[in-house]
């Protein structure tokens, strides 16, 4: 079977799943006057009061401090763990850890450490260490280019590693770590939505109070931070920023109690049937009630939201990527298109979903729009860059013919590889967006936390992680079927 036939088969299958998912999706606009609210939000940009920047400075610095400390700790632990990634137990454990979203980790650590920066740092560092361990291991394996016969037998394995493999892999390791810092900045910001005093804390307050002029100010500040990262966070400044962050950031553990930790580990997360000496039948009934009423609908809605978001992401990316291609758009048009894509891919899905929730009301629609815009912009940016590196055959053809008969056929394999590589991320975000009211797994986890049912939370998180791991495995199988993973190598664009 040809590669084009495989691509067509996969595309048709996912389109069919998308159509079926639409029948089960709640995409209703429940707000009374959504477009009035939308107009208020848009018009809010005219009333920005820049004099209030001073009050946000502490939140901005807190966001940077948490992200900096988290990424440095994650890089250290991720690098160490990458040497043990070949062991199945380590791989499975790290897969479970990275499958759980930072907000879920934050909600758990809140029960132990309280509402402070340690909670935020742990919530980011734990899954990021697992992600970096996996990626570092893959990078080091990819750069294993020296044959053992070319190295003296007297040279130890440690010396061979530091003088052969590591120097070759280092640029890619650094590049990916710097990319993860941008992700850490986004994670640090959105942790404000659970009470941590980062930029997201004030952003959520302004959203809830309808102060859209303040929302715009904070978004602009955040975009500037993301757009200028390469100037103030790089291999030359990282240690300086880490030291400054460690010194300046308050790390009070007054709210931490050893008794709370012991109770959490030995009582709170222990399933009720074990704590209360239920019979086997009573224990089965307890679990089956959770499974039928929460796990099954939570998993179903998470999958529905994920599949709709995946296909809409694909459609948007295919529409947007020509906007930054020199063969389709003028230099001025490409400039503004770049700004649009940077804004969309720099805005965390959670913030976008919160915005659309305020405008359209509670349904899957805000989540679909948020996931589509954010992920579509990321993929469009990458595919657009690839289109600019192509040598065109149909130079004098019309834009439509050039797109349909040369550009899209030649880039479609790469496009699918990036899309399915992003699939697991969309699944993770679909689960967490349940906190905003969509009945995904996150909705039931948030409800269990509100009821202080931590034993139920652990079970729900287990199935959340299992679902993400399953999607990751299916995604890998799809990419193997398409023989598309090589399209990801050396592209300089990391999507995790």
Protein backbone atom coordinates (compact mmCIF):
# COMPACT_ATOMS: atom_id res chain seq x y z
CA UNK A 1 0.00 0.00 0.00
CA UNK A 2 1.39 3.42 -0.95
CA UNK A 3 2.02 6.13 1.60
CA UNK A 4 -0.70 8.30 0.05
CA UNK A 5 -3.23 5.47 0.45
CA UNK A 6 -2.28 5.07 4.10
CA UNK A 7 -2.65 8.81 4.67
CA UNK A 8 -6.08 8.78 3.00
CA UNK A 9 -7.23 5.79 5.08
CA UNK A 10 -6.17 7.41 8.36
CA UNK A 11 -7.73 10.75 7.42
CA UNK A 12 -11.06 9.14 6.50
CA UNK A 13 -11.16 7.12 9.73
CA UNK A 14 -10.60 10.20 11.87
CA UNK A 15 -13.14 12.19 9.88
CA UNK A 16 -15.68 9.43 10.48
CA UNK A 17 -14.93 9.44 14.22
CA UNK A 18 -15.27 13.23 14.18
CA UNK A 19 -18.72 13.07 12.56
CA UNK A 20 -19.89 10.41 15.03
CA UNK A 21 -18.53 12.46 17.95
CA UNK A 22 -20.54 15.49 16.85
CA UNK A 23 -23.77 13.59 17.60
CA UNK A 24 -22.73 13.17 21.24
CA UNK A 25 -21.15 16.59 21.80
CA UNK A 26 -22.81 19.41 23.71
CA UNK A 27 -21.93 22.43 21.56
CA UNK A 28 -24.80 24.61 22.68
CA UNK A 29 -24.40 28.36 23.26
CA UNK A 30 -26.01 28.75 26.67
CA UNK A 31 -25.17 32.40 27.38
CA UNK A 32 -28.11 34.80 27.13
CA UNK A 33 -26.36 37.38 24.94
CA UNK A 34 -23.00 35.87 23.91
CA UNK A 35 -22.16 38.35 21.18
CA UNK A 36 -22.84 41.26 23.51
CA UNK A 37 -20.30 39.79 25.91
CA UNK A 38 -17.89 39.21 23.03
CA UNK A 39 -18.23 42.84 21.93
CA UNK A 40 -17.54 43.97 25.52
CA UNK A 41 -14.40 41.87 25.57
CA UNK A 42 -13.16 43.22 22.21
CA UNK A 43 -13.96 46.82 23.11
CA UNK A 44 -12.10 46.40 26.40
CA UNK A 45 -8.80 46.81 24.54
CA UNK A 46 -9.63 50.50 24.06
CA UNK A 47 -9.85 51.10 27.80
CA UNK A 48 -6.56 49.55 28.92
CA UNK A 49 -5.16 51.38 31.90
CA UNK A 50 -1.40 50.95 31.76
CA UNK A 51 -0.99 52.73 35.07
CA UNK A 52 -2.01 49.52 36.84
CA UNK A 53 1.07 47.66 35.57
CA UNK A 54 2.82 48.30 38.87
CA UNK A 55 0.22 46.24 40.74
CA UNK A 56 0.82 43.30 38.40
CA UNK A 57 4.61 43.38 38.66
CA UNK A 58 4.72 41.01 41.63
CA UNK A 59 2.47 38.51 39.82
CA UNK A 60 4.65 38.70 36.69
CA UNK A 61 7.81 38.10 38.70
CA UNK A 62 6.13 35.27 40.59
CA UNK A 63 5.19 33.66 37.26
CA UNK A 64 8.81 33.90 36.06
CA UNK A 65 10.29 32.68 39.35
CA UNK A 66 8.08 29.59 39.50
CA UNK A 67 8.73 28.73 35.84
CA UNK A 68 12.50 29.20 36.21
CA UNK A 69 12.92 27.08 39.33
CA UNK A 70 10.58 24.43 37.95
CA UNK A 71 12.37 24.05 34.62
CA UNK A 72 15.84 23.90 36.20
CA UNK A 73 14.74 21.22 38.67
CA UNK A 74 12.94 19.36 35.88
CA UNK A 75 16.02 19.47 33.64
CA UNK A 76 18.26 18.09 36.39
CA UNK A 77 15.93 15.26 37.41
CA UNK A 78 14.89 14.60 33.81
CA UNK A 79 18.53 14.24 32.75
CA UNK A 80 19.25 11.80 35.59
CA UNK A 81 16.11 9.77 34.91
CA UNK A 82 16.88 9.60 31.17
CA UNK A 83 19.68 7.11 31.92
CA UNK A 84 17.15 4.74 33.49
CA UNK A 85 14.43 5.25 30.89
CA UNK A 86 15.31 1.93 29.23
CA UNK A 87 13.87 0.05 32.23
CA UNK A 88 10.19 -0.79 31.86
CA UNK A 89 9.25 0.13 35.44
CA UNK A 90 10.77 3.60 35.02
CA UNK A 91 9.10 4.13 31.64
CA UNK A 92 5.67 3.10 32.92
CA UNK A 93 6.00 5.23 36.09
CA UNK A 94 7.10 8.31 34.13
CA UNK A 95 4.33 7.74 31.56
CA UNK A 96 1.80 7.83 34.39
CA UNK A 97 3.32 10.96 35.94
CA UNK A 98 3.47 12.97 32.71
CA UNK A 99 -0.04 11.91 31.71
CA UNK A 100 -1.52 13.89 34.61
CA UNK A 101 -1.87 17.62 33.98
CA UNK A 102 -0.04 20.21 36.10
CA UNK A 103 -3.33 21.58 37.43
CA UNK A 104 -4.32 18.13 38.71
CA UNK A 105 -0.95 17.82 40.46
CA UNK A 106 -1.44 21.30 41.93
CA UNK A 107 -4.86 20.36 43.28
CA UNK A 108 -3.32 17.31 44.95
CA UNK A 109 -0.36 19.17 46.45
CA UNK A 110 -2.72 21.83 47.77
CA UNK A 111 -3.99 19.21 50.20
CA UNK A 112 -0.47 18.71 51.58
CA UNK A 113 1.47 21.96 51.23
CA UNK A 114 -1.34 24.48 51.07
CA UNK A 115 -1.63 27.49 48.80
CA UNK A 116 1.98 28.53 48.21
CA UNK A 117 4.80 28.49 45.68
CA UNK A 118 6.09 25.05 46.70
CA UNK A 119 2.80 23.58 45.52
CA UNK A 120 3.24 25.32 42.15
CA UNK A 121 6.87 24.26 41.73
CA UNK A 122 6.11 20.61 42.52
CA UNK A 123 3.03 20.64 40.27
CA UNK A 124 5.15 21.73 37.29
CA UNK A 125 8.42 19.96 38.10
CA UNK A 126 6.94 16.50 38.57
CA UNK A 127 5.29 16.04 35.13
CA UNK A 128 7.99 18.11 33.38
CA UNK A 129 10.74 15.89 34.82
CA UNK A 130 8.92 12.88 33.37
CA UNK A 131 8.50 14.60 29.98
CA UNK A 132 12.12 15.74 29.84
CA UNK A 133 13.37 12.28 30.88
CA UNK A 134 11.56 10.73 27.93
CA UNK A 135 12.68 13.36 25.42
CA UNK A 136 16.27 13.47 26.71
CA UNK A 137 16.49 9.68 26.44
CA UNK A 138 15.22 9.80 22.85
CA UNK A 139 17.66 12.60 21.94
CA UNK A 140 20.64 10.81 23.49
CA UNK A 141 19.68 7.60 21.70
CA UNK A 142 19.38 9.48 18.40
CA UNK A 143 22.90 10.92 18.83
CA UNK A 144 24.48 7.57 19.64
CA UNK A 145 26.56 7.90 16.48
CA UNK A 146 29.95 6.65 17.63
CA UNK A 147 30.79 3.01 16.98
CA UNK A 148 32.34 1.30 19.99
CA UNK A 149 35.20 0.13 17.75
CA UNK A 150 36.25 3.75 17.12
CA UNK A 151 36.74 4.41 20.83
CA UNK A 152 39.71 3.11 22.78
CA UNK A 153 38.96 0.16 25.02
CA UNK A 154 40.74 2.01 27.81
CA UNK A 155 38.15 4.79 27.80
CA UNK A 156 35.41 4.36 30.40
CA UNK A 157 31.76 4.53 29.43
CA UNK A 158 31.37 7.75 31.42
CA UNK A 159 34.23 9.42 29.58
CA UNK A 160 32.94 8.17 26.24
CA UNK A 161 29.52 9.63 27.05
CA UNK A 162 30.80 13.06 28.08
CA UNK A 163 33.30 13.38 25.24
CA UNK A 164 31.35 11.83 22.35
CA UNK A 165 27.59 11.52 22.70
CA UNK A 166 26.81 14.48 24.99
CA UNK A 167 28.63 17.18 22.96
CA UNK A 168 26.71 16.15 19.85
CA UNK A 169 23.37 15.95 21.64
CA UNK A 170 23.83 19.10 23.74
CA UNK A 171 22.46 21.64 21.20
CA UNK A 172 19.24 19.63 20.84
CA UNK A 173 18.99 19.10 24.61
CA UNK A 174 19.36 22.82 25.22
CA UNK A 175 16.92 23.71 22.44
CA UNK A 176 14.23 21.43 23.84
CA UNK A 177 14.79 22.63 27.41
CA UNK A 178 14.40 26.26 26.32
CA UNK A 179 11.18 25.29 24.56
CA UNK A 180 9.92 23.60 27.72
CA UNK A 181 10.58 26.83 29.62
CA UNK A 182 8.00 28.55 27.41
CA UNK A 183 5.58 25.77 28.36
CA UNK A 184 6.53 26.22 32.03
CA UNK A 185 5.69 29.91 31.77
CA UNK A 186 2.22 29.00 30.49
CA UNK A 187 1.78 26.39 33.23
CA UNK A 188 2.94 28.85 35.88
CA UNK A 189 0.42 31.41 34.64
CA UNK A 190 -2.58 29.07 34.58
CA UNK A 191 -1.85 27.77 38.09
CA UNK A 192 -3.19 31.14 39.16
CA UNK A 193 -6.63 29.79 38.31
CA UNK A 194 -6.38 27.41 41.30
CA UNK A 195 -5.23 30.17 43.66
CA UNK A 196 -1.45 30.48 43.21
CA UNK A 197 -0.56 34.20 43.05
CA UNK A 198 0.73 34.18 39.46
CA UNK A 199 -0.56 36.19 36.51
CA UNK A 200 -3.43 33.76 36.04
CA UNK A 201 -4.81 34.56 39.49
CA UNK A 202 -5.46 38.18 38.58
CA UNK A 203 -6.54 37.18 35.09
CA UNK A 204 -9.28 34.90 36.42
CA UNK A 205 -10.44 37.58 38.87
CA UNK A 206 -10.72 40.16 36.09
CA UNK A 207 -12.59 37.67 33.88
CA UNK A 208 -15.10 36.92 36.63
CA UNK A 209 -15.66 40.60 37.37
CA UNK A 210 -15.98 41.55 33.69
CA UNK A 211 -12.97 43.90 33.80
CA UNK A 212 -11.91 43.09 30.26
CA UNK A 213 -9.60 46.11 30.01
CA UNK A 214 -7.50 44.55 32.78
CA UNK A 215 -7.71 41.17 31.03
CA UNK A 216 -6.25 42.72 27.88
CA UNK A 217 -3.45 44.35 29.85
CA UNK A 218 -2.46 41.04 31.44
CA UNK A 219 -2.66 39.18 28.14
CA UNK A 220 -0.45 41.76 26.45
CA UNK A 221 2.08 41.50 29.29
CA UNK A 222 2.05 37.72 28.96
CA UNK A 223 2.50 37.87 25.16
CA UNK A 224 5.46 40.20 25.58
CA UNK A 225 7.02 37.83 28.12
CA UNK A 226 6.62 34.84 25.78
CA UNK A 227 7.79 36.75 22.69
CA UNK A 228 10.96 37.96 24.42
CA UNK A 229 11.94 34.75 26.21
CA UNK A 230 14.97 34.13 23.99
CA UNK A 231 16.43 37.48 25.06
CA UNK A 232 16.23 36.97 28.83
CA UNK A 233 16.17 33.18 29.26
CA UNK A 234 18.93 31.26 27.52
CA UNK A 235 21.95 29.10 28.31
CA UNK A 236 23.89 32.17 29.44
CA UNK A 237 21.26 33.56 31.83
CA UNK A 238 19.52 30.48 33.18
CA UNK A 239 21.72 29.99 36.26
CA UNK A 240 21.59 33.69 37.13
CA UNK A 241 17.78 33.68 36.84
CA UNK A 242 17.59 30.50 38.91
CA UNK A 243 19.62 32.04 41.75
CA UNK A 244 17.61 35.28 41.64
CA UNK A 245 14.34 33.32 41.59
CA UNK A 246 15.42 31.14 44.50
CA UNK A 247 16.41 34.18 46.57
CA UNK A 248 13.48 36.44 45.70
CA UNK A 249 10.58 34.03 45.63
CA UNK A 250 8.82 33.43 48.96
CA UNK A 251 8.84 29.73 49.77
CA UNK A 252 6.98 29.66 53.04
CA UNK A 253 5.99 26.22 54.27
CA UNK A 254 4.07 27.47 57.27
CA UNK A 255 0.96 25.81 55.88
CA UNK A 256 2.78 22.49 55.55
CA UNK A 257 2.03 19.97 58.24
CA UNK A 258 3.75 16.62 58.60
CA UNK A 259 0.54 15.28 60.09
CA UNK A 260 -1.33 16.35 56.91
CA UNK A 261 1.19 14.44 54.79
CA UNK A 262 0.86 11.31 56.91
CA UNK A 263 -2.93 11.55 56.88
CA UNK A 264 -2.91 12.09 53.10
CA UNK A 265 -0.77 9.00 52.44
CA UNK A 266 -2.24 6.68 55.05
CA UNK A 267 -5.87 7.74 55.18
CA UNK A 268 -7.14 10.28 52.65
CA UNK A 269 -6.15 8.41 49.47
CA UNK A 270 -6.94 4.95 50.83
CA UNK A 271 -10.18 3.70 49.20
CA UNK A 272 -13.21 3.74 51.48
CA UNK A 273 -13.80 -0.03 51.23
CA UNK A 274 -10.36 -0.66 52.75
CA UNK A 275 -10.64 2.02 55.45
CA UNK A 276 -14.13 0.95 56.47
CA UNK A 277 -13.65 -2.82 56.19
CA UNK A 278 -16.28 -3.29 53.49
CA UNK A 279 -17.09 -6.78 52.36
CA UNK A 280 -16.00 -7.79 48.86
CA UNK A 281 -19.52 -7.20 47.53
CA UNK A 282 -19.78 -3.78 49.22
CA UNK A 283 -16.37 -2.80 47.84
CA UNK A 284 -17.37 -3.89 44.33
CA UNK A 285 -20.61 -1.88 44.57
CA UNK A 286 -18.66 1.17 45.74
CA UNK A 287 -16.26 0.99 42.79
CA UNK A 288 -18.93 0.08 40.22
CA UNK A 289 -20.96 3.16 41.21
CA UNK A 290 -17.94 5.40 40.55
CA UNK A 291 -17.11 3.52 37.36
CA UNK A 292 -20.60 3.71 35.86
CA UNK A 293 -21.57 7.21 37.02
CA UNK A 294 -18.26 9.06 36.67
CA UNK A 295 -15.46 7.14 34.95
CA UNK A 296 -17.45 5.93 31.93
CA UNK A 297 -19.15 9.28 31.14
CA UNK A 298 -15.92 11.15 31.98
CA UNK A 299 -13.82 9.04 29.63
CA UNK A 300 -16.51 9.15 26.92
CA UNK A 301 -16.83 12.95 27.03
CA UNK A 302 -13.06 13.38 27.15
CA UNK A 303 -12.66 11.23 24.03
CA UNK A 304 -15.51 13.04 22.24
CA UNK A 305 -14.02 16.44 23.02
CA UNK A 306 -10.55 15.26 22.04
CA UNK A 307 -11.59 13.85 18.67
CA UNK A 308 -13.64 16.91 17.73
CA UNK A 309 -10.77 19.19 18.77
CA UNK A 310 -8.22 17.07 16.90
CA UNK A 311 -10.03 17.29 13.57
CA UNK A 312 -10.98 20.97 13.95
CA UNK A 313 -7.31 21.63 14.82
CA UNK A 314 -6.32 19.89 11.59
CA UNK A 315 -8.78 21.91 9.51
CA UNK A 316 -7.68 25.21 11.04
CA UNK A 317 -3.99 24.39 10.58
CA UNK A 318 -4.54 23.59 6.90
CA UNK A 319 -6.32 26.93 6.47
CA UNK A 320 -3.79 29.01 8.40
CA UNK A 321 -0.38 27.73 7.31
CA UNK A 322 -0.43 29.42 3.85
CA UNK A 323 -0.78 32.75 5.68
CA UNK A 324 2.92 32.66 6.59
CA UNK A 325 4.10 31.19 3.28
CA UNK A 326 5.85 33.59 0.90
CA UNK A 327 4.21 31.88 -2.08
CA UNK A 328 0.71 32.76 -0.88
CA UNK A 329 0.91 36.00 1.11
CA UNK A 330 2.83 39.26 0.82
CA UNK A 331 5.53 40.29 3.28
CA UNK A 332 3.14 42.58 5.14
CA UNK A 333 0.48 39.89 5.31
CA UNK A 334 3.00 37.35 6.60
CA UNK A 335 4.09 39.79 9.32
CA UNK A 336 0.58 40.17 10.72
CA UNK A 337 -0.12 36.45 10.24
CA UNK A 338 2.97 35.64 12.30
CA UNK A 339 1.69 37.91 15.07
CA UNK A 340 -1.71 36.18 14.99
CA UNK A 341 -0.17 32.71 15.21
CA UNK A 342 2.22 33.74 17.98
CA UNK A 343 -0.67 35.15 20.02
CA UNK A 344 -2.79 32.02 19.54
CA UNK A 345 -0.04 29.52 20.27
CA UNK A 346 1.25 31.56 23.22
CA UNK A 347 -2.15 31.69 24.94
CA UNK A 348 -2.69 28.53 27.04
CA UNK A 349 -5.79 26.53 26.14
CA UNK A 350 -7.09 26.96 29.68
CA UNK A 351 -7.09 30.76 29.38
CA UNK A 352 -8.74 30.63 25.96
CA UNK A 353 -11.39 28.23 27.27
CA UNK A 354 -12.02 30.48 30.28
CA UNK A 355 -12.53 33.42 27.90
CA UNK A 356 -14.96 31.52 25.65
CA UNK A 357 -16.76 30.13 28.70
CA UNK A 358 -17.41 33.71 29.84
CA UNK A 359 -18.80 34.54 26.40
CA UNK A 360 -20.69 31.43 25.27
CA UNK A 361 -21.58 29.71 28.54
CA UNK A 362 -20.85 26.18 29.80
CA UNK A 363 -20.68 23.52 27.08
CA UNK A 364 -18.02 21.76 25.01
CA UNK A 365 -17.94 24.70 22.58
CA UNK A 366 -15.49 26.88 24.60
CA UNK A 367 -13.16 23.91 25.02
CA UNK A 368 -13.29 22.98 21.32
CA UNK A 369 -12.58 26.57 20.27
CA UNK A 370 -9.69 26.87 22.74
CA UNK A 371 -8.04 23.60 21.75
CA UNK A 372 -8.58 24.26 18.04
CA UNK A 373 -7.11 27.78 18.07
CA UNK A 374 -4.09 26.98 20.24
CA UNK A 375 -3.06 23.69 18.63
CA UNK A 376 -4.06 24.75 15.12
CA UNK A 377 -1.77 27.79 15.40
CA UNK A 378 1.16 25.63 16.59
CA UNK A 379 0.87 23.17 13.69
CA UNK A 380 0.17 25.93 11.15
CA UNK A 381 3.33 27.73 12.27
CA UNK A 382 5.47 24.62 11.77
CA UNK A 383 3.96 23.57 8.44
CA UNK A 384 4.13 27.16 7.20
CA UNK A 385 7.86 27.25 7.97
CA UNK A 386 8.30 23.99 6.05
CA UNK A 387 6.42 25.40 3.05
CA UNK A 388 8.92 28.27 2.91
CA UNK A 389 11.79 25.79 2.65
CA UNK A 390 10.28 23.94 -0.33
CA UNK A 391 11.56 24.15 -3.90
CA UNK A 392 8.42 24.78 -5.93
CA UNK A 393 7.71 23.17 -9.31
CA UNK A 394 4.42 24.93 -10.09
CA UNK A 395 5.77 28.43 -9.50
CA UNK A 396 3.49 30.11 -11.99
CA UNK A 397 0.37 28.24 -11.03
CA UNK A 398 -2.57 29.96 -9.31
CA UNK A 399 -2.61 29.94 -5.53
CA UNK A 400 -5.43 27.39 -5.37
CA UNK A 401 -3.74 24.97 -7.78
CA UNK A 402 -0.38 25.44 -6.07
CA UNK A 403 -1.96 24.65 -2.69
CA UNK A 404 -4.03 21.69 -3.88
CA UNK A 405 -1.60 20.01 -6.31
CA UNK A 406 1.86 20.72 -4.89
CA UNK A 407 2.07 22.19 -1.39
CA UNK A 408 -0.56 20.10 0.40
CA UNK A 409 0.38 16.74 -1.20
CA UNK A 410 4.07 17.27 -0.36
CA UNK A 411 3.49 18.46 3.22
CA UNK A 412 0.53 16.26 4.17
CA UNK A 413 2.66 13.46 5.62
CA UNK A 414 4.53 15.90 7.88
CA UNK A 415 1.24 17.54 8.79
CA UNK A 416 -0.26 14.22 9.94
CA UNK A 417 2.88 13.36 11.91
CA UNK A 418 2.73 16.66 13.80
CA UNK A 419 -1.03 16.36 14.30
CA UNK A 420 -0.88 12.89 15.84
CA UNK A 421 2.18 13.81 17.86
CA UNK A 422 0.02 16.57 19.35
CA UNK A 423 -2.90 14.19 20.00
CA UNK A 424 -1.80 13.22 23.53
CA UNK A 425 -1.46 16.89 24.49
CA UNK A 426 -4.99 17.62 23.28
CA UNK A 427 -6.24 14.67 25.34
CA UNK A 428 -4.52 15.99 28.49
CA UNK A 429 -6.03 19.42 27.98
CA UNK A 430 -9.48 17.96 27.23
CA UNK A 431 -9.44 16.23 30.60
CA UNK A 432 -8.35 19.31 32.55
CA UNK A 433 -10.88 21.62 30.87
CA UNK A 434 -13.57 19.70 32.76
CA UNK A 435 -12.72 21.95 35.71
CA UNK A 436 -14.47 24.73 33.77
CA UNK A 437 -17.72 22.79 33.68
CA UNK A 438 -17.43 20.38 30.74
CA UNK A 439 -18.27 16.85 31.90
CA UNK A 440 -14.85 15.35 31.09
CA UNK A 441 -12.77 13.49 33.65
CA UNK A 442 -11.56 16.81 35.05
CA UNK A 443 -15.11 17.73 35.99
CA UNK A 444 -15.49 14.64 38.18
CA UNK A 445 -12.00 15.06 39.65
CA UNK A 446 -12.77 18.66 40.59
CA UNK A 447 -16.09 17.59 42.12
CA UNK A 448 -14.39 14.87 44.16
CA UNK A 449 -11.82 17.39 45.43
CA UNK A 450 -14.59 19.79 46.40
CA UNK A 451 -16.21 16.98 48.40
CA UNK A 452 -12.80 16.06 49.89
CA UNK A 453 -13.10 12.55 48.42
CA UNK A 454 -9.39 12.09 47.75
CA UNK A 455 -9.70 8.31 47.46
CA UNK A 456 -12.04 8.86 44.52
CA UNK A 457 -9.66 11.46 43.09
CA UNK A 458 -6.83 8.91 42.97
CA UNK A 459 -9.02 6.43 41.08
CA UNK A 460 -10.17 9.07 38.59
CA UNK A 461 -6.59 10.25 38.06
CA UNK A 462 -5.53 6.67 37.41
CA UNK A 463 -8.07 6.35 34.59
CA UNK A 464 -7.11 9.81 33.31
CA UNK A 465 -3.48 8.72 33.07
CA UNK A 466 -4.47 5.38 31.55
CA UNK A 467 -6.49 7.15 28.88
CA UNK A 468 -3.59 9.45 28.01
CA UNK A 469 -1.13 6.57 27.87
CA UNK A 470 -3.52 4.67 25.58
CA UNK A 471 -3.83 7.65 23.24
CA UNK A 472 -0.05 8.03 23.19
CA UNK A 473 0.36 4.37 22.22
CA UNK A 474 -2.33 4.59 19.52
CA UNK A 475 -0.75 7.79 18.20
CA UNK A 476 2.63 6.02 17.97
CA UNK A 477 1.02 3.13 16.10
CA UNK A 478 -0.66 5.53 13.67
CA UNK A 479 2.62 7.35 13.02
CA UNK A 480 4.38 4.01 12.50
CA UNK A 481 1.65 3.00 10.04
CA UNK A 482 2.16 6.28 8.19
CA UNK A 483 5.93 5.91 8.55
CA UNK A 484 5.85 9.56 9.53
CA UNK A 485 7.98 9.78 12.68
CA UNK A 486 11.06 10.60 10.66
CA UNK A 487 9.30 13.83 9.64
CA UNK A 488 9.66 14.98 13.25
CA UNK A 489 13.39 14.43 13.42
CA UNK A 490 15.54 17.45 12.82
CA UNK A 491 12.66 19.81 12.21
CA UNK A 492 13.68 21.97 15.15
CA UNK A 493 10.06 22.11 16.34
CA UNK A 494 8.97 20.35 19.50
CA UNK A 495 5.29 19.74 20.05
CA UNK A 496 5.03 18.05 23.42
